C-alpha cells in the first residue's frame, strides 16, 4: 500500500518593527527556517452575511476539518450537511488537533508563526486544538444558536458553573481555545486587523 505521509506546514511572518497590521505569507522559497511545505498563492474570501466564502486553506488540515455540529442533550450529534442539522439547535465548531511553532527574530523585529496538521520535531500540539467551541456567543440557557442575543452582565463564576452544568466535558470558552482560533486566523488571513478582513 502507498501511504501519503506528506506534512503540510503553513507560515506567516510579522514585522513588529513597523505599525502595519499586515503579515507576510511564507512560501517554501521565502521561509528562512525551511518549515513551510505548501505555497499558498491566492487569498481567502470571507463569508459575509448569507454568502459563502472561499479559501485556499479549505483544502488543508486543520482548516478543512473544522466542521459544525449540533449538540443535543449535551452530546455532540449530527454535523452540518447531515439530516436534522440546524443552526437553530445548539451549534459548535470542531477545531481539529494541530501543531504550531513560533520563532522570534528579535534582531530583525520579526515573529514567525507556523501551523502543521501533524506532529513534527520542534512543533507542539496547540492546547486549544482538538476541541469544540460555540459557533455563536453564548445565549440564555447556555446555548450557541443563531439569532439569539448573547448573555450579558454575568460573573465569570456564574459562566463557569452554568457551562459545566451543561454536562460532562463542557466548560467556559477558555484562553487556549481563543489562542488556537486566533493562530488559525492569523496564518490564513495574514492580517491582525480582523475587522478589515472578515
C-alpha atoms as a PDB file:
ATOM      1  CA  UNK A   1       0.000   0.000   0.000  1.00  0.00           C
ATOM      2  CA  UNK A   2       1.079   3.552  -0.658  1.00  0.00           C
ATOM      3  CA  UNK A   3       0.570   5.811   2.328  1.00  0.00           C
ATOM      4  CA  UNK A   4       0.615   9.586   1.974  1.00  0.00           C
ATOM      5  CA  UNK A   5       2.783  10.915   4.779  1.00  0.00           C
ATOM      6  CA  UNK A   6       3.272  14.390   3.335  1.00  0.00           C
ATOM      7  CA  UNK A   7       3.434  17.035   6.013  1.00  0.00           C
ATOM      8  CA  UNK A   8       1.673  20.289   5.212  1.00  0.00           C
ATOM      9  CA  UNK A   9       3.138  23.276   7.034  1.00  0.00           C
ATOM     10  CA  UNK A  10       1.990  26.871   6.632  1.00  0.00           C
ATOM     11  CA  UNK A  11       3.514  30.073   7.908  1.00  0.00           C
ATOM     12  CA  UNK A  12       3.420  33.844   8.097  1.00  0.00           C
ATOM     13  CA  UNK A  13       5.847  36.440   9.397  1.00  0.00           C
ATOM     14  CA  UNK A  14       5.025  39.621  11.285  1.00  0.00           C
ATOM     15  CA  UNK A  15       7.398  42.555  11.128  1.00  0.00           C
ATOM     16  CA  UNK A  16       6.714  44.118  14.503  1.00  0.00           C
ATOM     17  CA  UNK A  17       9.224  46.849  13.752  1.00  0.00           C
ATOM     18  CA  UNK A  18       6.552  48.744  11.802  1.00  0.00           C
ATOM     19  CA  UNK A  19       2.944  49.670  12.504  1.00  0.00           C
ATOM     20  CA  UNK A  20       1.287  47.707   9.699  1.00  0.00           C
ATOM     21  CA  UNK A  21      -1.260  45.039  10.633  1.00  0.00           C
ATOM     22  CA  UNK A  22      -0.298  43.005   7.552  1.00  0.00           C
ATOM     23  CA  UNK A  23       1.755  39.833   7.880  1.00  0.00           C
ATOM     24  CA  UNK A  24       3.674  38.268   5.011  1.00  0.00           C
ATOM     25  CA  UNK A  25       2.683  34.815   3.842  1.00  0.00           C
ATOM     26  CA  UNK A  26       5.673  32.466   3.741  1.00  0.00           C
ATOM     27  CA  UNK A  27       6.446  30.103   0.881  1.00  0.00           C
ATOM     28  CA  UNK A  28       8.929  27.269   0.590  1.00  0.00           C
ATOM     29  CA  UNK A  29      11.350  29.716  -1.004  1.00  0.00           C
ATOM     30  CA  UNK A  30      10.847  32.662   1.365  1.00  0.00           C
ATOM     31  CA  UNK A  31      10.807  30.788   4.692  1.00  0.00           C
ATOM     32  CA  UNK A  32      14.257  31.305   6.260  1.00  0.00           C
ATOM     33  CA  UNK A  33      13.730  28.354   8.623  1.00  0.00           C
ATOM     34  CA  UNK A  34      12.654  25.896   5.924  1.00  0.00           C
ATOM     35  CA  UNK A  35       9.452  24.705   7.619  1.00  0.00           C
ATOM     36  CA  UNK A  36       6.843  25.756   5.036  1.00  0.00           C
ATOM     37  CA  UNK A  37       5.873  22.962   2.652  1.00  0.00           C
ATOM     38  CA  UNK A  38       2.784  24.475   0.959  1.00  0.00           C
ATOM     39  CA  UNK A  39       2.795  27.593  -1.201  1.00  0.00           C
ATOM     40  CA  UNK A  40      -0.486  29.469  -0.880  1.00  0.00           C
ATOM     41  CA  UNK A  41      -0.852  31.740  -3.898  1.00  0.00           C
ATOM     42  CA  UNK A  42      -4.376  33.140  -3.501  1.00  0.00           C
ATOM     43  CA  UNK A  43      -6.124  34.987  -0.703  1.00  0.00           C
ATOM     44  CA  UNK A  44      -9.161  33.801   1.261  1.00  0.00           C
ATOM     45  CA  UNK A  45     -12.516  35.485   0.691  1.00  0.00           C
ATOM     46  CA  UNK A  46     -14.587  35.521   3.901  1.00  0.00           C
ATOM     47  CA  UNK A  47     -18.249  34.570   4.040  1.00  0.00           C
ATOM     48  CA  UNK A  48     -20.323  37.709   4.595  1.00  0.00           C
ATOM     49  CA  UNK A  49     -23.973  37.505   5.572  1.00  0.00           C
ATOM     50  CA  UNK A  50     -25.606  34.646   3.695  1.00  0.00           C
ATOM     51  CA  UNK A  51     -22.864  34.400   1.071  1.00  0.00           C
ATOM     52  CA  UNK A  52     -20.354  31.562   1.050  1.00  0.00           C
ATOM     53  CA  UNK A  53     -16.683  32.384   1.367  1.00  0.00           C
ATOM     54  CA  UNK A  54     -13.781  30.550  -0.204  1.00  0.00           C
ATOM     55  CA  UNK A  55     -10.267  29.950   0.967  1.00  0.00           C
ATOM     56  CA  UNK A  56      -7.270  28.046  -0.358  1.00  0.00           C
ATOM     57  CA  UNK A  57      -6.897  26.754   3.207  1.00  0.00           C
ATOM     58  CA  UNK A  58     -10.206  24.874   2.902  1.00  0.00           C
ATOM     59  CA  UNK A  59      -8.237  22.113   1.169  1.00  0.00           C
ATOM     60  CA  UNK A  60      -5.813  21.565   4.045  1.00  0.00           C
ATOM     61  CA  UNK A  61      -5.964  20.357   7.613  1.00  0.00           C
ATOM     62  CA  UNK A  62      -6.711  21.636  10.168  1.00  0.00           C
ATOM     63  CA  UNK A  63      -8.983  24.139   8.381  1.00  0.00           C
ATOM     64  CA  UNK A  64     -10.789  21.547   6.250  1.00  0.00           C
ATOM     65  CA  UNK A  65     -11.561  19.552   9.400  1.00  0.00           C
ATOM     66  CA  UNK A  66     -13.395  22.451  11.055  1.00  0.00           C
ATOM     67  CA  UNK A  67     -16.986  21.257  10.950  1.00  0.00           C
ATOM     68  CA  UNK A  68     -20.199  22.355  12.631  1.00  0.00           C
ATOM     69  CA  UNK A  69     -22.148  20.002  14.883  1.00  0.00           C
ATOM     70  CA  UNK A  70     -25.410  20.207  16.781  1.00  0.00           C
ATOM     71  CA  UNK A  71     -25.441  19.488  20.486  1.00  0.00           C
ATOM     72  CA  UNK A  72     -28.482  17.510  21.573  1.00  0.00           C
ATOM     73  CA  UNK A  73     -28.956  16.617  25.251  1.00  0.00           C
ATOM     74  CA  UNK A  74     -25.379  17.808  25.927  1.00  0.00           C
ATOM     75  CA  UNK A  75     -23.945  15.311  23.418  1.00  0.00           C
ATOM     76  CA  UNK A  76     -22.300  16.043  20.061  1.00  0.00           C
ATOM     77  CA  UNK A  77     -24.775  14.971  17.397  1.00  0.00           C
ATOM     78  CA  UNK A  78     -25.313  15.499  13.688  1.00  0.00           C
ATOM     79  CA  UNK A  79     -22.924  17.631  11.669  1.00  0.00           C
ATOM     80  CA  UNK A  80     -23.657  20.205   9.019  1.00  0.00           C
ATOM     81  CA  UNK A  81     -24.901  18.515   5.851  1.00  0.00           C
ATOM     82  CA  UNK A  82     -26.482  15.592   7.701  1.00  0.00           C
ATOM     83  CA  UNK A  83     -30.212  15.157   8.130  1.00  0.00           C
ATOM     84  CA  UNK A  84     -31.560  17.053  11.129  1.00  0.00           C
ATOM     85  CA  UNK A  85     -28.757  19.600  11.383  1.00  0.00           C
ATOM     86  CA  UNK A  86     -29.956  23.131  12.122  1.00  0.00           C
ATOM     87  CA  UNK A  87     -28.266  26.237  13.467  1.00  0.00           C
ATOM     88  CA  UNK A  88     -31.421  26.855  15.490  1.00  0.00           C
ATOM     89  CA  UNK A  89     -30.130  23.961  17.598  1.00  0.00           C
ATOM     90  CA  UNK A  90     -27.165  24.376  19.927  1.00  0.00           C
ATOM     91  CA  UNK A  91     -24.232  24.569  17.448  1.00  0.00           C
ATOM     92  CA  UNK A  92     -20.494  24.127  17.918  1.00  0.00           C
ATOM     93  CA  UNK A  93     -17.466  24.025  15.622  1.00  0.00           C
ATOM     94  CA  UNK A  94     -14.829  21.334  15.993  1.00  0.00           C
ATOM     95  CA  UNK A  95     -11.238  22.628  15.911  1.00  0.00           C
ATOM     96  CA  UNK A  96      -9.051  19.659  14.867  1.00  0.00           C
ATOM     97  CA  UNK A  97      -5.751  18.972  16.560  1.00  0.00           C
ATOM     98  CA  UNK A  98      -2.861  20.912  15.085  1.00  0.00           C
ATOM     99  CA  UNK A  99       0.733  21.687  15.921  1.00  0.00           C
ATOM    100  CA  UNK A 100       2.443  25.040  15.981  1.00  0.00           C
ATOM    101  CA  UNK A 101       5.746  26.819  16.322  1.00  0.00           C
ATOM    102  CA  UNK A 102       6.564  30.490  16.922  1.00  0.00           C
ATOM    103  CA  UNK A 103      10.043  31.802  16.174  1.00  0.00           C
ATOM    104  CA  UNK A 104      11.087  35.260  17.327  1.00  0.00           C
ATOM    105  CA  UNK A 105      13.848  37.029  15.411  1.00  0.00           C
ATOM    106  CA  UNK A 106      14.406  39.931  17.816  1.00  0.00           C
ATOM    107  CA  UNK A 107      17.362  41.259  15.825  1.00  0.00           C
ATOM    108  CA  UNK A 108      15.161  41.942  12.800  1.00  0.00           C
ATOM    109  CA  UNK A 109      11.961  42.505  14.824  1.00  0.00           C
ATOM    110  CA  UNK A 110      10.167  39.645  13.111  1.00  0.00           C
ATOM    111  CA  UNK A 111       7.995  36.878  14.527  1.00  0.00           C
ATOM    112  CA  UNK A 112       7.274  33.735  12.522  1.00  0.00           C
ATOM    113  CA  UNK A 113       4.068  31.716  13.071  1.00  0.00           C
ATOM    114  CA  UNK A 114       3.774  28.149  11.754  1.00  0.00           C
ATOM    115  CA  UNK A 115       0.970  25.579  11.707  1.00  0.00           C
ATOM    116  CA  UNK A 116       1.257  21.886  10.907  1.00  0.00           C
ATOM    117  CA  UNK A 117      -1.556  19.335  10.900  1.00  0.00           C
ATOM    118  CA  UNK A 118       0.885  16.648  12.052  1.00  0.00           C
ATOM    119  CA  UNK A 119       3.396  16.387  14.842  1.00  0.00           C
ATOM    120  CA  UNK A 120       6.943  17.116  13.745  1.00  0.00           C
ATOM    121  CA  UNK A 121      10.122  17.767  15.677  1.00  0.00           C
ATOM    122  CA  UNK A 122      10.196  21.224  17.238  1.00  0.00           C
ATOM    123  CA  UNK A 123       6.439  21.786  16.997  1.00  0.00           C
ATOM    124  CA  UNK A 124       3.996  21.476  19.911  1.00  0.00           C
ATOM    125  CA  UNK A 125       0.369  20.400  19.914  1.00  0.00           C
ATOM    126  CA  UNK A 126      -1.695  23.518  20.419  1.00  0.00           C
ATOM    127  CA  UNK A 127      -3.518  23.171  23.763  1.00  0.00           C
ATOM    128  CA  UNK A 128      -6.636  24.832  22.324  1.00  0.00           C
ATOM    129  CA  UNK A 129      -6.969  22.390  19.429  1.00  0.00           C
ATOM    130  CA  UNK A 130      -8.957  19.158  19.334  1.00  0.00           C
ATOM    131  CA  UNK A 131     -11.942  20.896  20.922  1.00  0.00           C
ATOM    132  CA  UNK A 132     -15.468  22.007  20.213  1.00  0.00           C
ATOM    133  CA  UNK A 133     -16.243  25.721  20.558  1.00  0.00           C
ATOM    134  CA  UNK A 134     -19.548  27.544  20.305  1.00  0.00           C
ATOM    135  CA  UNK A 135     -20.332  28.887  16.844  1.00  0.00           C
ATOM    136  CA  UNK A 136     -22.204  31.845  18.336  1.00  0.00           C
ATOM    137  CA  UNK A 137     -21.932  33.852  21.523  1.00  0.00           C
ATOM    138  CA  UNK A 138     -23.476  32.062  24.478  1.00  0.00           C
ATOM    139  CA  UNK A 139     -27.152  32.921  24.844  1.00  0.00           C
ATOM    140  CA  UNK A 140     -29.752  32.335  27.541  1.00  0.00           C
ATOM    141  CA  UNK A 141     -29.767  28.677  28.553  1.00  0.00           C
ATOM    142  CA  UNK A 142     -26.031  28.494  27.803  1.00  0.00           C
ATOM    143  CA  UNK A 143     -26.553  27.572  24.185  1.00  0.00           C
ATOM    144  CA  UNK A 144     -24.939  28.645  20.922  1.00  0.00           C
ATOM    145  CA  UNK A 145     -27.791  29.241  18.470  1.00  0.00           C
ATOM    146  CA  UNK A 146     -28.297  31.583  15.561  1.00  0.00           C
ATOM    147  CA  UNK A 147     -30.456  34.650  16.100  1.00  0.00           C
ATOM    148  CA  UNK A 148     -30.180  34.827  19.892  1.00  0.00           C
ATOM    149  CA  UNK A 149     -28.817  37.743  21.892  1.00  0.00           C
ATOM    150  CA  UNK A 150     -25.629  36.981  23.835  1.00  0.00           C
ATOM    151  CA  UNK A 151     -25.697  36.771  27.608  1.00  0.00           C
ATOM    152  CA  UNK A 152     -24.512  39.901  29.381  1.00  0.00           C
ATOM    153  CA  UNK A 153     -23.933  41.105  32.942  1.00  0.00           C
ATOM    154  CA  UNK A 154     -22.945  37.731  34.369  1.00  0.00           C
ATOM    155  CA  UNK A 155     -19.957  36.904  36.510  1.00  0.00           C
ATOM    156  CA  UNK A 156     -17.114  34.651  35.424  1.00  0.00           C
ATOM    157  CA  UNK A 157     -18.003  32.252  38.251  1.00  0.00           C
ATOM    158  CA  UNK A 158     -21.591  32.009  37.007  1.00  0.00           C
ATOM    159  CA  UNK A 159     -20.429  31.434  33.434  1.00  0.00           C
ATOM    160  CA  UNK A 160     -18.141  28.623  34.593  1.00  0.00           C
ATOM    161  CA  UNK A 161     -20.772  26.963  36.755  1.00  0.00           C
ATOM    162  CA  UNK A 162     -23.532  27.168  34.137  1.00  0.00           C
ATOM    163  CA  UNK A 163     -21.221  25.995  31.332  1.00  0.00           C
ATOM    164  CA  UNK A 164     -20.132  22.961  33.340  1.00  0.00           C
ATOM    165  CA  UNK A 165     -23.763  22.214  34.201  1.00  0.00           C
ATOM    166  CA  UNK A 166     -24.312  21.533  30.512  1.00  0.00           C
ATOM    167  CA  UNK A 167     -22.726  18.111  31.025  1.00  0.00           C
ATOM    168  CA  UNK A 168     -19.505  16.206  31.375  1.00  0.00           C
ATOM    169  CA  UNK A 169     -16.660  17.767  29.416  1.00  0.00           C
ATOM    170  CA  UNK A 170     -18.315  21.164  28.894  1.00  0.00           C
ATOM    171  CA  UNK A 171     -16.520  24.295  30.054  1.00  0.00           C
ATOM    172  CA  UNK A 172     -16.452  28.023  29.554  1.00  0.00           C
ATOM    173  CA  UNK A 173     -14.640  29.203  26.413  1.00  0.00           C
ATOM    174  CA  UNK A 174     -11.030  29.480  27.528  1.00  0.00           C
ATOM    175  CA  UNK A 175      -7.850  31.304  26.597  1.00  0.00           C
ATOM    176  CA  UNK A 176      -6.250  28.269  24.929  1.00  0.00           C
ATOM    177  CA  UNK A 177      -9.219  27.876  22.558  1.00  0.00           C
ATOM    178  CA  UNK A 178      -9.223  31.600  21.844  1.00  0.00           C
ATOM    179  CA  UNK A 179      -5.496  31.464  21.011  1.00  0.00           C
ATOM    180  CA  UNK A 180      -5.970  28.430  18.737  1.00  0.00           C
ATOM    181  CA  UNK A 181      -8.646  30.218  16.720  1.00  0.00           C
ATOM    182  CA  UNK A 182      -6.517  33.369  16.616  1.00  0.00           C
ATOM    183  CA  UNK A 183      -3.494  31.483  15.309  1.00  0.00           C
ATOM    184  CA  UNK A 184      -5.543  29.715  12.635  1.00  0.00           C
ATOM    185  CA  UNK A 185      -6.936  33.101  11.598  1.00  0.00           C
ATOM    186  CA  UNK A 186      -3.505  34.805  11.501  1.00  0.00           C
ATOM    187  CA  UNK A 187      -1.965  32.133   9.296  1.00  0.00           C
ATOM    188  CA  UNK A 188      -4.974  32.060   6.955  1.00  0.00           C
ATOM    189  CA  UNK A 189      -5.669  35.790   6.588  1.00  0.00           C
ATOM    190  CA  UNK A 190      -2.178  37.224   7.294  1.00  0.00           C
ATOM    191  CA  UNK A 191      -3.502  40.375   8.938  1.00  0.00           C
ATOM    192  CA  UNK A 192      -4.019  41.337  12.590  1.00  0.00           C
ATOM    193  CA  UNK A 193      -6.977  43.554  11.673  1.00  0.00           C
ATOM    194  CA  UNK A 194      -9.814  41.037  11.741  1.00  0.00           C
ATOM    195  CA  UNK A 195     -12.442  43.746  11.216  1.00  0.00           C
ATOM    196  CA  UNK A 196     -10.914  44.720   7.874  1.00  0.00           C
ATOM    197  CA  UNK A 197     -10.506  41.122   6.692  1.00  0.00           C
ATOM    198  CA  UNK A 198     -13.675  39.388   7.871  1.00  0.00           C
END
